[in-house]
Amino acid sequence: MSMANELSIELREYLKRCGLSERMIARCNGNTRMYHDLGLYGDIAEAYMEELADHYHVDLSGFEFDKFFPPEFAGKNALLGALFSILPFAGYLARQHNEYLPLTLKMMENVMRTKQWRAGAHE
């Protein structure tokens, strides 16, 4: 019995729509974190959140992206951005230095069900 069975059919469909492989989804459970465990950040994480708004009609007006996900690259300037694109591991290390709140699949499922991001939902 796979752990993915813990996830609702709707949540699994959402993850599939966003491009997560069946193999990755099978490893997920309600406590799987979007950034910390799945490694989602920047444009890809934004696309996941946009999918919630566009396809699932979730109101994300109170959602503060920067609290949960690093930007596309951790550098504050173009030179660092270029360096991180050449040496992706350097970007990975730089992103690890910051603390980001966990955004779990259980939280995502709740947001899909209630159709809105509640401030404090992560606490």
N, C-alpha and C. Protein backbone atom coordinates (compact mmCIF):
# COMPACT_ATOMS: atom_id res chain seq x y z
N MET A 1 0.84 -1.19 0.00
CA MET A 1 0.00 0.00 0.00
C MET A 1 0.89 1.25 0.00
N SER A 2 0.71 2.10 -0.96
CA SER A 2 1.56 3.29 -1.10
C SER A 2 1.07 4.43 -0.21
N MET A 3 2.03 5.27 0.21
CA MET A 3 1.68 6.41 1.07
C MET A 3 0.81 7.43 0.32
N ALA A 4 0.85 7.39 -1.01
CA ALA A 4 0.07 8.35 -1.79
C ALA A 4 -1.42 8.19 -1.53
N ASN A 5 -1.81 7.00 -1.05
CA ASN A 5 -3.22 6.76 -0.76
C ASN A 5 -3.74 7.71 0.32
N GLU A 6 -2.82 8.25 1.12
CA GLU A 6 -3.20 9.21 2.15
C GLU A 6 -3.66 10.53 1.53
N LEU A 7 -3.19 10.83 0.34
CA LEU A 7 -3.53 12.08 -0.34
C LEU A 7 -4.87 11.91 -1.07
N SER A 8 -5.67 12.96 -1.05
CA SER A 8 -6.95 12.90 -1.76
C SER A 8 -6.71 12.78 -3.27
N ILE A 9 -7.69 12.26 -3.95
CA ILE A 9 -7.62 12.14 -5.41
C ILE A 9 -7.42 13.51 -6.03
N GLU A 10 -8.13 14.53 -5.49
CA GLU A 10 -8.02 15.89 -6.02
C GLU A 10 -6.60 16.44 -5.85
N LEU A 11 -6.00 16.20 -4.70
CA LEU A 11 -4.63 16.68 -4.45
C LEU A 11 -3.64 15.97 -5.37
N ARG A 12 -3.82 14.68 -5.55
CA ARG A 12 -2.93 13.92 -6.45
C ARG A 12 -3.08 14.42 -7.88
N GLU A 13 -4.31 14.72 -8.29
CA GLU A 13 -4.57 15.25 -9.64
C GLU A 13 -3.87 16.61 -9.79
N TYR A 14 -3.96 17.45 -8.75
CA TYR A 14 -3.30 18.77 -8.76
C TYR A 14 -1.79 18.61 -8.94
N LEU A 15 -1.18 17.72 -8.17
CA LEU A 15 0.27 17.51 -8.26
C LEU A 15 0.65 17.01 -9.65
N LYS A 16 -0.18 16.15 -10.22
CA LYS A 16 0.06 15.63 -11.57
C LYS A 16 -0.05 16.76 -12.59
N ARG A 17 -1.10 17.60 -12.45
CA ARG A 17 -1.29 18.75 -13.36
C ARG A 17 -0.08 19.67 -13.33
N CYS A 18 0.54 19.80 -12.15
CA CYS A 18 1.70 20.68 -11.99
C CYS A 18 2.98 20.05 -12.53
N GLY A 19 2.93 18.77 -12.85
CA GLY A 19 4.09 18.12 -13.45
C GLY A 19 4.88 17.20 -12.53
N LEU A 20 4.38 16.94 -11.35
CA LEU A 20 5.07 16.02 -10.45
C LEU A 20 4.84 14.60 -10.95
N SER A 21 5.89 13.80 -11.00
CA SER A 21 5.77 12.44 -11.53
C SER A 21 4.99 11.54 -10.58
N GLU A 22 4.41 10.48 -11.13
CA GLU A 22 3.68 9.49 -10.33
C GLU A 22 4.59 8.93 -9.24
N ARG A 23 5.86 8.74 -9.60
CA ARG A 23 6.82 8.18 -8.65
C ARG A 23 7.01 9.11 -7.45
N MET A 24 7.13 10.41 -7.73
CA MET A 24 7.28 11.39 -6.65
C MET A 24 6.00 11.47 -5.81
N ILE A 25 4.86 11.49 -6.48
CA ILE A 25 3.58 11.57 -5.77
C ILE A 25 3.42 10.36 -4.84
N ALA A 26 3.87 9.20 -5.30
CA ALA A 26 3.76 7.97 -4.49
C ALA A 26 4.58 8.08 -3.20
N ARG A 27 5.61 8.91 -3.21
CA ARG A 27 6.46 9.08 -2.01
C ARG A 27 5.92 10.14 -1.07
N CYS A 28 4.91 10.88 -1.50
CA CYS A 28 4.39 11.99 -0.71
C CYS A 28 3.36 11.54 0.31
N ASN A 29 3.24 12.33 1.37
CA ASN A 29 2.14 12.16 2.32
C ASN A 29 1.73 13.55 2.78
N GLY A 30 0.80 13.63 3.68
CA GLY A 30 0.27 14.92 4.12
C GLY A 30 1.32 15.85 4.72
N ASN A 31 2.40 15.26 5.26
CA ASN A 31 3.45 16.08 5.88
C ASN A 31 4.56 16.46 4.91
N THR A 32 4.48 16.01 3.67
CA THR A 32 5.48 16.37 2.66
C THR A 32 5.43 17.88 2.45
N ARG A 33 6.61 18.52 2.49
CA ARG A 33 6.68 19.98 2.37
C ARG A 33 7.09 20.37 0.94
N MET A 34 6.43 21.39 0.43
CA MET A 34 6.62 21.82 -0.97
C MET A 34 8.07 22.20 -1.27
N TYR A 35 8.67 23.03 -0.41
CA TYR A 35 10.05 23.46 -0.66
C TYR A 35 11.06 22.50 -0.04
N HIS A 36 10.92 22.22 1.24
CA HIS A 36 11.91 21.44 1.98
C HIS A 36 12.04 20.01 1.46
N ASP A 37 10.93 19.38 1.08
CA ASP A 37 10.98 17.98 0.65
C ASP A 37 10.94 17.81 -0.87
N LEU A 38 10.11 18.61 -1.54
CA LEU A 38 9.97 18.48 -3.00
C LEU A 38 10.94 19.38 -3.76
N GLY A 39 11.55 20.33 -3.04
CA GLY A 39 12.55 21.20 -3.67
C GLY A 39 11.94 22.24 -4.61
N LEU A 40 10.67 22.59 -4.40
CA LEU A 40 10.03 23.58 -5.26
C LEU A 40 10.35 24.98 -4.77
N TYR A 41 10.73 25.87 -5.70
CA TYR A 41 10.99 27.27 -5.37
C TYR A 41 10.92 28.09 -6.64
N GLY A 42 10.96 29.40 -6.47
CA GLY A 42 11.01 30.30 -7.63
C GLY A 42 9.84 30.13 -8.58
N ASP A 43 10.14 30.19 -9.88
CA ASP A 43 9.10 30.15 -10.91
C ASP A 43 8.26 28.88 -10.85
N ILE A 44 8.89 27.76 -10.52
CA ILE A 44 8.15 26.49 -10.48
C ILE A 44 7.14 26.53 -9.33
N ALA A 45 7.57 26.99 -8.16
CA ALA A 45 6.65 27.09 -7.02
C ALA A 45 5.53 28.08 -7.34
N GLU A 46 5.87 29.17 -8.01
CA GLU A 46 4.84 30.15 -8.40
C GLU A 46 3.81 29.49 -9.33
N ALA A 47 4.29 28.67 -10.24
CA ALA A 47 3.38 27.98 -11.17
C ALA A 47 2.43 27.05 -10.40
N TYR A 48 2.93 26.38 -9.37
CA TYR A 48 2.08 25.51 -8.55
C TYR A 48 0.98 26.33 -7.87
N MET A 49 1.36 27.50 -7.34
CA MET A 49 0.38 28.35 -6.66
C MET A 49 -0.62 28.95 -7.65
N GLU A 50 -0.13 29.33 -8.84
CA GLU A 50 -1.02 29.88 -9.87
C GLU A 50 -2.03 28.84 -10.32
N GLU A 51 -1.60 27.59 -10.38
CA GLU A 51 -2.50 26.50 -10.75
C GLU A 51 -3.66 26.40 -9.74
N LEU A 52 -3.34 26.59 -8.46
CA LEU A 52 -4.39 26.59 -7.43
C LEU A 52 -5.41 27.69 -7.70
N ALA A 53 -4.91 28.86 -8.03
CA ALA A 53 -5.79 30.01 -8.27
C ALA A 53 -6.58 29.83 -9.57
N ASP A 54 -5.89 29.45 -10.65
CA ASP A 54 -6.52 29.41 -11.96
C ASP A 54 -7.44 28.22 -12.16
N HIS A 55 -6.97 27.03 -11.81
CA HIS A 55 -7.75 25.83 -12.09
C HIS A 55 -8.69 25.46 -10.95
N TYR A 56 -8.25 25.70 -9.71
CA TYR A 56 -9.05 25.29 -8.55
C TYR A 56 -9.78 26.46 -7.89
N HIS A 57 -9.64 27.65 -8.46
CA HIS A 57 -10.35 28.85 -7.99
C HIS A 57 -10.12 29.15 -6.51
N VAL A 58 -8.86 29.02 -6.09
CA VAL A 58 -8.49 29.31 -4.71
C VAL A 58 -8.10 30.78 -4.60
N ASP A 59 -8.61 31.45 -3.59
CA ASP A 59 -8.26 32.85 -3.34
C ASP A 59 -6.96 32.87 -2.53
N LEU A 60 -5.88 33.28 -3.17
CA LEU A 60 -4.56 33.30 -2.52
C LEU A 60 -4.14 34.71 -2.13
N SER A 61 -5.10 35.62 -1.99
CA SER A 61 -4.77 37.02 -1.75
C SER A 61 -3.93 37.23 -0.49
N GLY A 62 -4.07 36.39 0.53
CA GLY A 62 -3.29 36.58 1.75
C GLY A 62 -1.99 35.79 1.78
N PHE A 63 -1.71 35.06 0.69
CA PHE A 63 -0.53 34.19 0.66
C PHE A 63 0.74 35.00 0.44
N GLU A 64 1.73 34.81 1.32
CA GLU A 64 3.01 35.52 1.20
C GLU A 64 4.07 34.53 0.71
N PHE A 65 4.27 34.53 -0.60
CA PHE A 65 5.17 33.59 -1.27
C PHE A 65 6.55 33.52 -0.60
N ASP A 66 7.11 34.70 -0.28
CA ASP A 66 8.47 34.79 0.26
C ASP A 66 8.65 34.10 1.60
N LYS A 67 7.57 33.87 2.32
CA LYS A 67 7.68 33.19 3.62
C LYS A 67 7.87 31.69 3.46
N PHE A 68 7.46 31.15 2.30
CA PHE A 68 7.46 29.71 2.09
C PHE A 68 8.46 29.22 1.06
N PHE A 69 8.81 30.11 0.11
CA PHE A 69 9.69 29.69 -0.99
C PHE A 69 10.78 30.72 -1.25
N PRO A 70 11.98 30.26 -1.56
CA PRO A 70 13.02 31.19 -2.02
C PRO A 70 12.67 31.67 -3.43
N PRO A 71 13.23 32.83 -3.82
CA PRO A 71 13.03 33.28 -5.20
C PRO A 71 13.78 32.35 -6.16
N GLU A 72 13.70 32.63 -7.45
CA GLU A 72 14.32 31.77 -8.46
C GLU A 72 15.80 31.54 -8.17
N PHE A 73 16.52 32.59 -7.79
CA PHE A 73 17.89 32.40 -7.34
C PHE A 73 18.09 33.27 -6.12
N ALA A 74 18.97 32.85 -5.26
CA ALA A 74 19.11 33.53 -3.96
C ALA A 74 19.92 34.82 -4.07
N GLY A 75 20.63 34.99 -5.19
CA GLY A 75 21.46 36.18 -5.34
C GLY A 75 20.65 37.44 -5.49
N LYS A 76 21.20 38.54 -5.03
CA LYS A 76 20.49 39.81 -5.11
C LYS A 76 20.86 40.57 -6.38
N ASN A 77 21.80 40.05 -7.15
CA ASN A 77 22.16 40.76 -8.37
C ASN A 77 22.37 39.79 -9.54
N ALA A 78 22.49 40.34 -10.72
CA ALA A 78 22.60 39.52 -11.94
C ALA A 78 23.85 38.66 -11.95
N LEU A 79 24.96 39.16 -11.40
CA LEU A 79 26.20 38.39 -11.39
C LEU A 79 26.02 37.11 -10.57
N LEU A 80 25.45 37.24 -9.38
CA LEU A 80 25.21 36.06 -8.56
C LEU A 80 24.21 35.13 -9.24
N GLY A 81 23.21 35.72 -9.88
CA GLY A 81 22.23 34.92 -10.61
C GLY A 81 22.89 34.10 -11.70
N ALA A 82 23.81 34.72 -12.43
CA ALA A 82 24.54 34.02 -13.49
C ALA A 82 25.41 32.92 -12.90
N LEU A 83 26.07 33.22 -11.79
CA LEU A 83 26.91 32.23 -11.11
C LEU A 83 26.06 31.02 -10.70
N PHE A 84 24.89 31.29 -10.13
CA PHE A 84 24.02 30.20 -9.67
C PHE A 84 23.49 29.37 -10.84
N SER A 85 23.33 30.00 -12.01
CA SER A 85 22.86 29.23 -13.16
C SER A 85 23.97 28.32 -13.69
N ILE A 86 25.22 28.74 -13.52
CA ILE A 86 26.36 27.93 -13.95
C ILE A 86 26.67 26.86 -12.90
N LEU A 87 26.56 27.23 -11.64
CA LEU A 87 26.84 26.31 -10.54
C LEU A 87 25.57 26.15 -9.68
N PRO A 88 24.62 25.35 -10.15
CA PRO A 88 23.34 25.24 -9.44
C PRO A 88 23.50 24.89 -7.96
N PHE A 89 24.55 24.11 -7.64
CA PHE A 89 24.73 23.71 -6.24
C PHE A 89 25.01 24.92 -5.35
N ALA A 90 25.69 25.94 -5.90
CA ALA A 90 25.96 27.16 -5.12
C ALA A 90 24.63 27.84 -4.76
N GLY A 91 23.70 27.85 -5.71
CA GLY A 91 22.38 28.42 -5.45
C GLY A 91 21.63 27.62 -4.40
N TYR A 92 21.77 26.30 -4.50
CA TYR A 92 21.12 25.41 -3.52
C TYR A 92 21.65 25.71 -2.12
N LEU A 93 22.95 25.84 -1.99
CA LEU A 93 23.55 26.13 -0.69
C LEU A 93 23.11 27.50 -0.17
N ALA A 94 23.07 28.50 -1.05
CA ALA A 94 22.66 29.84 -0.63
C ALA A 94 21.22 29.83 -0.14
N ARG A 95 20.36 29.06 -0.84
CA ARG A 95 18.95 29.00 -0.43
C ARG A 95 18.79 28.32 0.92
N GLN A 96 19.68 27.39 1.25
CA GLN A 96 19.56 26.65 2.50
C GLN A 96 19.81 27.53 3.72
N HIS A 97 20.49 28.65 3.54
CA HIS A 97 20.82 29.51 4.67
C HIS A 97 19.61 30.25 5.23
N ASN A 98 18.59 30.38 4.42
CA ASN A 98 17.40 31.10 4.87
C ASN A 98 16.39 30.14 5.46
N GLU A 99 15.62 30.63 6.37
CA GLU A 99 14.56 29.83 6.96
C GLU A 99 13.25 30.12 6.22
N TYR A 100 12.60 29.06 5.78
CA TYR A 100 11.30 29.19 5.13
C TYR A 100 10.30 28.34 5.90
N LEU A 101 9.09 28.86 6.02
CA LEU A 101 8.05 28.12 6.72
C LEU A 101 7.67 26.90 5.89
N PRO A 102 7.35 25.79 6.54
CA PRO A 102 6.94 24.61 5.77
C PRO A 102 5.53 24.78 5.22
N LEU A 103 5.35 24.45 3.96
CA LEU A 103 4.04 24.44 3.34
C LEU A 103 3.78 22.98 2.97
N THR A 104 2.96 22.31 3.78
CA THR A 104 2.76 20.86 3.60
C THR A 104 1.63 20.57 2.62
N LEU A 105 1.62 19.34 2.12
CA LEU A 105 0.56 18.93 1.21
C LEU A 105 -0.79 18.92 1.94
N LYS A 106 -0.76 18.63 3.25
CA LYS A 106 -2.00 18.69 4.05
C LYS A 106 -2.56 20.11 4.02
N MET A 107 -1.67 21.11 4.13
CA MET A 107 -2.09 22.51 4.07
C MET A 107 -2.64 22.83 2.68
N MET A 108 -1.98 22.32 1.64
CA MET A 108 -2.43 22.57 0.26
C MET A 108 -3.82 21.97 0.05
N GLU A 109 -4.02 20.77 0.59
CA GLU A 109 -5.31 20.10 0.46
C GLU A 109 -6.41 20.91 1.15
N ASN A 110 -6.10 21.46 2.31
CA ASN A 110 -7.05 22.28 3.05
C ASN A 110 -7.41 23.54 2.26
N VAL A 111 -6.39 24.16 1.65
CA VAL A 111 -6.60 25.36 0.84
C VAL A 111 -7.49 25.03 -0.37
N MET A 112 -7.27 23.86 -0.97
CA MET A 112 -8.08 23.45 -2.12
C MET A 112 -9.54 23.24 -1.69
N ARG A 113 -9.73 22.70 -0.51
CA ARG A 113 -11.08 22.41 -0.01
C ARG A 113 -11.83 23.69 0.36
N THR A 114 -11.14 24.59 1.06
CA THR A 114 -11.80 25.82 1.54
C THR A 114 -11.81 26.93 0.50
N LYS A 115 -10.99 26.76 -0.57
CA LYS A 115 -10.89 27.74 -1.67
C LYS A 115 -10.28 29.07 -1.26
N GLN A 116 -9.59 29.08 -0.11
CA GLN A 116 -8.92 30.34 0.27
C GLN A 116 -7.73 30.05 1.17
N TRP A 117 -6.75 30.95 1.06
CA TRP A 117 -5.59 30.91 1.94
C TRP A 117 -5.95 31.69 3.19
N ARG A 118 -5.88 31.05 4.33
CA ARG A 118 -6.16 31.75 5.58
C ARG A 118 -4.83 32.17 6.18
N ALA A 119 -4.71 33.44 6.52
CA ALA A 119 -3.51 33.91 7.22
C ALA A 119 -3.45 33.15 8.53
N GLY A 120 -2.27 32.63 8.84
CA GLY A 120 -2.13 31.86 10.07
C GLY A 120 -2.41 30.39 9.86
N ALA A 121 -2.75 29.99 8.63
CA ALA A 121 -3.04 28.58 8.36
C ALA A 121 -1.80 27.72 8.56
N HIS A 122 -0.64 28.36 8.52
CA HIS A 122 0.62 27.62 8.62
C HIS A 122 1.09 27.50 10.06
N GLU A 123 0.40 28.12 11.00
CA GLU A 123 0.90 28.12 12.37
C GLU A 123 0.32 26.99 13.18
